[in-house]
Amino acid sequence: MNHSVELVVSIIKKAIIILAVLIIISFFFLEKPMTWAYGYIFGGLIGILNFILLARTMERAVEMPPHKAQGYATVNYFIRFSITGVVIIVALKADYINALAAIVGIVLIKLIILATNLFNDKEYYKRIFNRKGEN
């Protein structure tokens, strides 16, 4: 299996697990849990869709000449941006979807990537905590 596919699948699995936990927590602690659950599901699915589209865009753009890759990546960026905008507008207009939960679902993939990369680089922390005089 391709390394990028394994990475995408791994991040999507983490997102699904976190979304499931958030939905379960909303049923125990929030007043209208179904609106939160719909928001998490709606935003999470769109966040995952955008992430898959981004992965496909990057895989295809790498194989193109630079001038074509830039145009291709730009067009796909605006497509993903438009999808996100429509989702946020729908979440704000629909009474049965919590807009904050939808936004959390959309942003969740980015948070997972940030947290994964932040905690994976042990050498970075060694350099931070190593005193300047010690090398």
N, C-alpha and C. Protein backbone atom coordinates (compact mmCIF):
# COMPACT_ATOMS: atom_id res chain seq x y z
N MET A 1 0.85 -1.19 0.00
CA MET A 1 0.00 0.00 0.00
C MET A 1 0.89 1.24 0.00
N ASN A 2 0.47 2.24 -0.69
CA ASN A 2 1.19 3.49 -0.78
C ASN A 2 1.26 4.18 0.59
N HIS A 3 2.41 4.78 0.89
CA HIS A 3 2.59 5.43 2.20
C HIS A 3 1.58 6.55 2.42
N SER A 4 1.30 7.33 1.40
CA SER A 4 0.34 8.43 1.57
C SER A 4 -1.07 7.91 1.84
N VAL A 5 -1.42 6.79 1.22
CA VAL A 5 -2.74 6.20 1.46
C VAL A 5 -2.83 5.71 2.91
N GLU A 6 -1.76 5.08 3.40
CA GLU A 6 -1.75 4.62 4.78
C GLU A 6 -1.89 5.79 5.75
N LEU A 7 -1.22 6.89 5.46
CA LEU A 7 -1.29 8.07 6.31
C LEU A 7 -2.70 8.67 6.30
N VAL A 8 -3.29 8.77 5.13
CA VAL A 8 -4.65 9.32 5.01
C VAL A 8 -5.63 8.45 5.78
N VAL A 9 -5.53 7.14 5.61
CA VAL A 9 -6.44 6.22 6.30
C VAL A 9 -6.25 6.32 7.81
N SER A 10 -5.01 6.42 8.25
CA SER A 10 -4.73 6.55 9.68
C SER A 10 -5.35 7.81 10.27
N ILE A 11 -5.22 8.92 9.58
CA ILE A 11 -5.79 10.18 10.06
C ILE A 11 -7.31 10.13 10.05
N ILE A 12 -7.88 9.52 9.03
CA ILE A 12 -9.35 9.41 8.96
C ILE A 12 -9.87 8.52 10.09
N LYS A 13 -9.17 7.43 10.40
CA LYS A 13 -9.59 6.57 11.51
C LYS A 13 -9.57 7.35 12.83
N LYS A 14 -8.51 8.13 13.04
CA LYS A 14 -8.45 8.94 14.26
C LYS A 14 -9.60 9.93 14.31
N ALA A 15 -9.92 10.54 13.18
CA ALA A 15 -11.02 11.51 13.13
C ALA A 15 -12.35 10.84 13.46
N ILE A 16 -12.58 9.67 12.92
CA ILE A 16 -13.84 8.96 13.19
C ILE A 16 -13.94 8.60 14.67
N ILE A 17 -12.85 8.15 15.25
CA ILE A 17 -12.86 7.81 16.68
C ILE A 17 -13.16 9.05 17.52
N ILE A 18 -12.48 10.15 17.23
CA ILE A 18 -12.70 11.38 18.00
C ILE A 18 -14.13 11.89 17.80
N LEU A 19 -14.64 11.82 16.59
CA LEU A 19 -16.03 12.24 16.35
C LEU A 19 -17.00 11.37 17.14
N ALA A 20 -16.76 10.07 17.18
CA ALA A 20 -17.63 9.17 17.95
C ALA A 20 -17.60 9.52 19.43
N VAL A 21 -16.41 9.81 19.94
CA VAL A 21 -16.29 10.20 21.36
C VAL A 21 -17.03 11.51 21.61
N LEU A 22 -16.87 12.48 20.72
CA LEU A 22 -17.57 13.76 20.87
C LEU A 22 -19.09 13.58 20.84
N ILE A 23 -19.56 12.70 19.98
CA ILE A 23 -21.01 12.45 19.90
C ILE A 23 -21.50 11.81 21.19
N ILE A 24 -20.76 10.84 21.70
CA ILE A 24 -21.15 10.18 22.95
C ILE A 24 -21.15 11.19 24.10
N ILE A 25 -20.13 12.02 24.16
CA ILE A 25 -20.06 13.05 25.21
C ILE A 25 -21.24 14.01 25.10
N SER A 26 -21.62 14.36 23.87
CA SER A 26 -22.74 15.29 23.71
C SER A 26 -24.05 14.70 24.22
N PHE A 27 -24.22 13.39 24.13
CA PHE A 27 -25.44 12.77 24.64
C PHE A 27 -25.51 12.80 26.17
N PHE A 28 -24.38 12.83 26.82
CA PHE A 28 -24.37 12.85 28.28
C PHE A 28 -24.41 14.25 28.88
N PHE A 29 -23.81 15.22 28.20
CA PHE A 29 -23.61 16.51 28.84
C PHE A 29 -24.32 17.70 28.19
N LEU A 30 -24.91 17.54 27.04
CA LEU A 30 -25.50 18.69 26.36
C LEU A 30 -27.02 18.58 26.31
N GLU A 31 -27.64 19.75 26.17
CA GLU A 31 -29.09 19.82 26.24
C GLU A 31 -29.78 19.25 25.00
N LYS A 32 -29.28 19.58 23.82
CA LYS A 32 -29.84 19.07 22.57
C LYS A 32 -28.78 18.21 21.88
N PRO A 33 -28.63 16.98 22.31
CA PRO A 33 -27.52 16.16 21.80
C PRO A 33 -27.64 15.80 20.32
N MET A 34 -28.85 15.68 19.81
CA MET A 34 -28.99 15.29 18.40
C MET A 34 -28.49 16.39 17.47
N THR A 35 -28.74 17.65 17.81
CA THR A 35 -28.24 18.73 16.94
C THR A 35 -26.72 18.74 16.95
N TRP A 36 -26.12 18.48 18.11
CA TRP A 36 -24.65 18.40 18.18
C TRP A 36 -24.15 17.20 17.40
N ALA A 37 -24.82 16.06 17.54
CA ALA A 37 -24.40 14.86 16.82
C ALA A 37 -24.48 15.07 15.32
N TYR A 38 -25.58 15.66 14.86
CA TYR A 38 -25.70 15.95 13.42
C TYR A 38 -24.61 16.93 12.97
N GLY A 39 -24.30 17.89 13.80
CA GLY A 39 -23.24 18.84 13.45
C GLY A 39 -21.89 18.16 13.35
N TYR A 40 -21.57 17.31 14.33
CA TYR A 40 -20.29 16.58 14.28
C TYR A 40 -20.22 15.68 13.05
N ILE A 41 -21.31 14.98 12.77
CA ILE A 41 -21.32 14.08 11.63
C ILE A 41 -21.20 14.87 10.32
N PHE A 42 -22.00 15.91 10.19
CA PHE A 42 -22.00 16.72 8.96
C PHE A 42 -20.64 17.37 8.74
N GLY A 43 -20.14 18.06 9.75
CA GLY A 43 -18.84 18.72 9.62
C GLY A 43 -17.70 17.73 9.49
N GLY A 44 -17.77 16.63 10.24
CA GLY A 44 -16.72 15.63 10.18
C GLY A 44 -16.62 14.97 8.82
N LEU A 45 -17.77 14.62 8.26
CA LEU A 45 -17.76 14.00 6.93
C LEU A 45 -17.22 14.96 5.86
N ILE A 46 -17.59 16.22 5.97
CA ILE A 46 -17.09 17.20 5.01
C ILE A 46 -15.59 17.43 5.23
N GLY A 47 -15.14 17.45 6.48
CA GLY A 47 -13.71 17.58 6.75
C GLY A 47 -12.93 16.41 6.18
N ILE A 48 -13.47 15.21 6.33
CA ILE A 48 -12.82 14.02 5.78
C ILE A 48 -12.83 14.08 4.25
N LEU A 49 -13.95 14.48 3.67
CA LEU A 49 -14.03 14.63 2.21
C LEU A 49 -12.99 15.63 1.71
N ASN A 50 -12.89 16.76 2.36
CA ASN A 50 -11.90 17.77 1.97
C ASN A 50 -10.48 17.23 2.09
N PHE A 51 -10.22 16.44 3.12
CA PHE A 51 -8.90 15.87 3.31
C PHE A 51 -8.57 14.87 2.20
N ILE A 52 -9.54 14.04 1.83
CA ILE A 52 -9.33 13.09 0.74
C ILE A 52 -9.11 13.83 -0.58
N LEU A 53 -9.89 14.88 -0.82
CA LEU A 53 -9.70 15.68 -2.03
C LEU A 53 -8.33 16.33 -2.06
N LEU A 54 -7.87 16.81 -0.90
CA LEU A 54 -6.54 17.41 -0.82
C LEU A 54 -5.46 16.37 -1.14
N ALA A 55 -5.60 15.17 -0.57
CA ALA A 55 -4.61 14.12 -0.83
C ALA A 55 -4.57 13.76 -2.31
N ARG A 56 -5.73 13.62 -2.93
CA ARG A 56 -5.77 13.30 -4.37
C ARG A 56 -5.18 14.42 -5.20
N THR A 57 -5.49 15.65 -4.81
CA THR A 57 -4.95 16.80 -5.54
C THR A 57 -3.43 16.81 -5.49
N MET A 58 -2.88 16.59 -4.31
CA MET A 58 -1.42 16.62 -4.17
C MET A 58 -0.76 15.46 -4.91
N GLU A 59 -1.37 14.28 -4.86
CA GLU A 59 -0.79 13.14 -5.57
C GLU A 59 -0.78 13.39 -7.08
N ARG A 60 -1.82 13.99 -7.60
CA ARG A 60 -1.88 14.26 -9.04
C ARG A 60 -1.00 15.44 -9.42
N ALA A 61 -0.96 16.45 -8.58
CA ALA A 61 -0.18 17.66 -8.90
C ALA A 61 1.32 17.36 -8.93
N VAL A 62 1.77 16.41 -8.13
CA VAL A 62 3.19 16.08 -8.09
C VAL A 62 3.66 15.52 -9.44
N GLU A 63 2.76 14.87 -10.14
CA GLU A 63 3.11 14.25 -11.42
C GLU A 63 3.02 15.22 -12.60
N MET A 64 2.53 16.43 -12.38
CA MET A 64 2.35 17.41 -13.46
C MET A 64 3.54 18.35 -13.56
N PRO A 65 3.67 19.00 -14.71
CA PRO A 65 4.67 20.07 -14.81
C PRO A 65 4.28 21.21 -13.86
N PRO A 66 5.26 21.99 -13.37
CA PRO A 66 4.96 23.01 -12.35
C PRO A 66 3.85 23.99 -12.72
N HIS A 67 3.83 24.49 -13.95
CA HIS A 67 2.80 25.48 -14.30
C HIS A 67 1.40 24.87 -14.32
N LYS A 68 1.27 23.62 -14.75
CA LYS A 68 -0.04 22.96 -14.72
C LYS A 68 -0.42 22.57 -13.30
N ALA A 69 0.56 22.15 -12.51
CA ALA A 69 0.28 21.74 -11.13
C ALA A 69 -0.24 22.92 -10.31
N GLN A 70 0.32 24.10 -10.53
CA GLN A 70 -0.14 25.27 -9.78
C GLN A 70 -1.59 25.60 -10.09
N GLY A 71 -1.95 25.59 -11.35
CA GLY A 71 -3.34 25.86 -11.73
C GLY A 71 -4.28 24.79 -11.21
N TYR A 72 -3.88 23.53 -11.33
CA TYR A 72 -4.69 22.42 -10.86
C TYR A 72 -4.92 22.50 -9.35
N ALA A 73 -3.85 22.77 -8.61
CA ALA A 73 -3.95 22.87 -7.15
C ALA A 73 -4.81 24.07 -6.75
N THR A 74 -4.68 25.18 -7.46
CA THR A 74 -5.47 26.37 -7.15
C THR A 74 -6.95 26.13 -7.38
N VAL A 75 -7.30 25.53 -8.49
CA VAL A 75 -8.71 25.24 -8.79
C VAL A 75 -9.29 24.31 -7.73
N ASN A 76 -8.54 23.27 -7.38
CA ASN A 76 -9.02 22.34 -6.36
C ASN A 76 -9.11 22.98 -4.98
N TYR A 77 -8.21 23.91 -4.70
CA TYR A 77 -8.29 24.64 -3.44
C TYR A 77 -9.60 25.42 -3.36
N PHE A 78 -9.96 26.11 -4.43
CA PHE A 78 -11.20 26.88 -4.42
C PHE A 78 -12.43 25.99 -4.38
N ILE A 79 -12.34 24.80 -4.94
CA ILE A 79 -13.44 23.85 -4.84
C ILE A 79 -13.63 23.43 -3.37
N ARG A 80 -12.53 23.06 -2.70
CA ARG A 80 -12.62 22.67 -1.29
C ARG A 80 -13.09 23.85 -0.42
N PHE A 81 -12.59 25.05 -0.72
CA PHE A 81 -12.99 26.25 0.01
C PHE A 81 -14.48 26.51 -0.16
N SER A 82 -14.99 26.35 -1.37
CA SER A 82 -16.42 26.56 -1.63
C SER A 82 -17.27 25.52 -0.91
N ILE A 83 -16.82 24.27 -0.92
CA ILE A 83 -17.56 23.22 -0.21
C ILE A 83 -17.65 23.56 1.28
N THR A 84 -16.53 23.99 1.85
CA THR A 84 -16.52 24.36 3.27
C THR A 84 -17.46 25.52 3.54
N GLY A 85 -17.45 26.51 2.67
CA GLY A 85 -18.34 27.66 2.83
C GLY A 85 -19.81 27.26 2.77
N VAL A 86 -20.16 26.41 1.83
CA VAL A 86 -21.55 25.95 1.72
C VAL A 86 -21.95 25.18 2.97
N VAL A 87 -21.06 24.34 3.47
CA VAL A 87 -21.35 23.55 4.66
C VAL A 87 -21.59 24.46 5.87
N ILE A 88 -20.77 25.48 6.03
CA ILE A 88 -20.95 26.39 7.16
C ILE A 88 -22.25 27.16 7.02
N ILE A 89 -22.58 27.60 5.82
CA ILE A 89 -23.85 28.31 5.60
C ILE A 89 -25.03 27.40 5.92
N VAL A 90 -24.98 26.15 5.44
CA VAL A 90 -26.06 25.20 5.73
C VAL A 90 -26.17 24.96 7.22
N ALA A 91 -25.03 24.80 7.89
CA ALA A 91 -25.04 24.55 9.34
C ALA A 91 -25.62 25.75 10.10
N LEU A 92 -25.35 26.94 9.62
CA LEU A 92 -25.90 28.13 10.28
C LEU A 92 -27.40 28.27 10.03
N LYS A 93 -27.87 27.88 8.86
CA LYS A 93 -29.28 28.04 8.52
C LYS A 93 -30.16 26.92 9.07
N ALA A 94 -29.63 25.71 9.15
CA ALA A 94 -30.43 24.56 9.57
C ALA A 94 -30.58 24.54 11.09
N ASP A 95 -31.81 24.37 11.54
CA ASP A 95 -32.08 24.33 12.98
C ASP A 95 -31.65 23.00 13.61
N TYR A 96 -31.59 21.96 12.81
CA TYR A 96 -31.29 20.63 13.34
C TYR A 96 -29.79 20.30 13.35
N ILE A 97 -28.95 21.26 12.93
CA ILE A 97 -27.50 21.07 12.94
C ILE A 97 -26.89 22.18 13.79
N ASN A 98 -26.06 21.81 14.74
CA ASN A 98 -25.34 22.79 15.54
C ASN A 98 -24.14 23.28 14.74
N ALA A 99 -24.08 24.57 14.50
CA ALA A 99 -23.03 25.14 13.66
C ALA A 99 -21.65 25.00 14.29
N LEU A 100 -21.57 25.16 15.61
CA LEU A 100 -20.27 25.02 16.28
C LEU A 100 -19.75 23.58 16.15
N ALA A 101 -20.62 22.61 16.28
CA ALA A 101 -20.22 21.21 16.13
C ALA A 101 -19.77 20.94 14.69
N ALA A 102 -20.46 21.53 13.72
CA ALA A 102 -20.06 21.35 12.32
C ALA A 102 -18.68 21.94 12.07
N ILE A 103 -18.41 23.10 12.64
CA ILE A 103 -17.10 23.73 12.47
C ILE A 103 -16.02 22.90 13.15
N VAL A 104 -16.32 22.37 14.33
CA VAL A 104 -15.37 21.48 15.01
C VAL A 104 -15.08 20.26 14.13
N GLY A 105 -16.11 19.70 13.53
CA GLY A 105 -15.94 18.56 12.64
C GLY A 105 -15.08 18.89 11.43
N ILE A 106 -15.26 20.07 10.87
CA ILE A 106 -14.47 20.49 9.71
C ILE A 106 -13.00 20.67 10.10
N VAL A 107 -12.76 21.26 11.25
CA VAL A 107 -11.40 21.60 11.68
C VAL A 107 -10.68 20.41 12.32
N LEU A 108 -11.42 19.37 12.65
CA LEU A 108 -10.85 18.24 13.38
C LEU A 108 -9.65 17.60 12.68
N ILE A 109 -9.73 17.42 11.38
CA ILE A 109 -8.62 16.82 10.63
C ILE A 109 -7.36 17.65 10.80
N LYS A 110 -7.49 18.96 10.72
CA LYS A 110 -6.33 19.84 10.88
C LYS A 110 -5.74 19.71 12.28
N LEU A 111 -6.59 19.61 13.28
CA LEU A 111 -6.11 19.45 14.66
C LEU A 111 -5.40 18.11 14.86
N ILE A 112 -5.92 17.07 14.23
CA ILE A 112 -5.28 15.76 14.34
C ILE A 112 -3.90 15.78 13.71
N ILE A 113 -3.79 16.39 12.54
CA ILE A 113 -2.49 16.48 11.86
C ILE A 113 -1.51 17.30 12.71
N LEU A 114 -1.98 18.40 13.25
CA LEU A 114 -1.12 19.24 14.08
C LEU A 114 -0.65 18.48 15.32
N ALA A 115 -1.57 17.83 16.02
CA ALA A 115 -1.21 17.10 17.23
C ALA A 115 -0.30 15.92 16.92
N THR A 116 -0.57 15.22 15.84
CA THR A 116 0.27 14.09 15.46
C THR A 116 1.70 14.53 15.18
N ASN A 117 1.86 15.59 14.43
CA ASN A 117 3.21 16.07 14.12
C ASN A 117 3.87 16.74 15.30
N LEU A 118 3.11 17.35 16.16
CA LEU A 118 3.66 18.02 17.32
C LEU A 118 4.26 17.03 18.31
N PHE A 119 3.60 15.90 18.49
CA PHE A 119 4.04 14.95 19.49
C PHE A 119 4.92 13.83 18.93
N ASN A 120 5.14 13.78 17.62
CA ASN A 120 5.97 12.73 17.03
C ASN A 120 7.45 13.07 17.01
N ASP A 121 7.81 14.34 17.03
CA ASP A 121 9.20 14.74 16.86
C ASP A 121 9.87 14.91 18.22
N LYS A 122 10.46 13.84 18.71
CA LYS A 122 11.11 13.87 20.02
C LYS A 122 12.42 14.67 19.98
N GLU A 123 13.08 14.68 18.85
CA GLU A 123 14.33 15.44 18.71
C GLU A 123 14.07 16.94 18.88
N TYR A 124 12.92 17.40 18.44
CA TYR A 124 12.56 18.81 18.59
C TYR A 124 12.52 19.19 20.06
N TYR A 125 11.91 18.34 20.87
CA TYR A 125 11.81 18.63 22.30
C TYR A 125 13.18 18.54 22.98
N LYS A 126 14.00 17.62 22.51
CA LYS A 126 15.35 17.52 23.07
C LYS A 126 16.14 18.80 22.81
N ARG A 127 15.99 19.37 21.61
CA ARG A 127 16.68 20.61 21.28
C ARG A 127 16.14 21.77 22.10
N ILE A 128 14.85 21.80 22.36
CA ILE A 128 14.26 22.89 23.13
C ILE A 128 14.78 22.86 24.57
N PHE A 129 14.76 21.69 25.17
CA PHE A 129 15.11 21.59 26.58
C PHE A 129 16.61 21.46 26.82
N ASN A 130 17.37 21.28 25.76
CA ASN A 130 18.82 21.24 25.88
C ASN A 130 19.33 22.66 26.06
N ARG A 131 20.17 22.87 27.04
CA ARG A 131 20.67 24.22 27.28
C ARG A 131 21.62 24.62 26.17
N LYS A 132 21.70 25.91 25.89
CA LYS A 132 22.50 26.42 24.78
C LYS A 132 23.96 26.02 24.89
N GLY A 133 24.52 25.98 26.06
CA GLY A 133 25.92 25.66 26.24
C GLY A 133 26.24 24.20 26.05
N GLU A 134 25.19 23.33 26.15
CA GLU A 134 25.41 21.90 26.03
C GLU A 134 25.16 21.45 24.59
N ASN A 135 26.09 20.80 23.99
CA ASN A 135 25.92 20.28 22.63
C ASN A 135 26.61 18.98 22.46
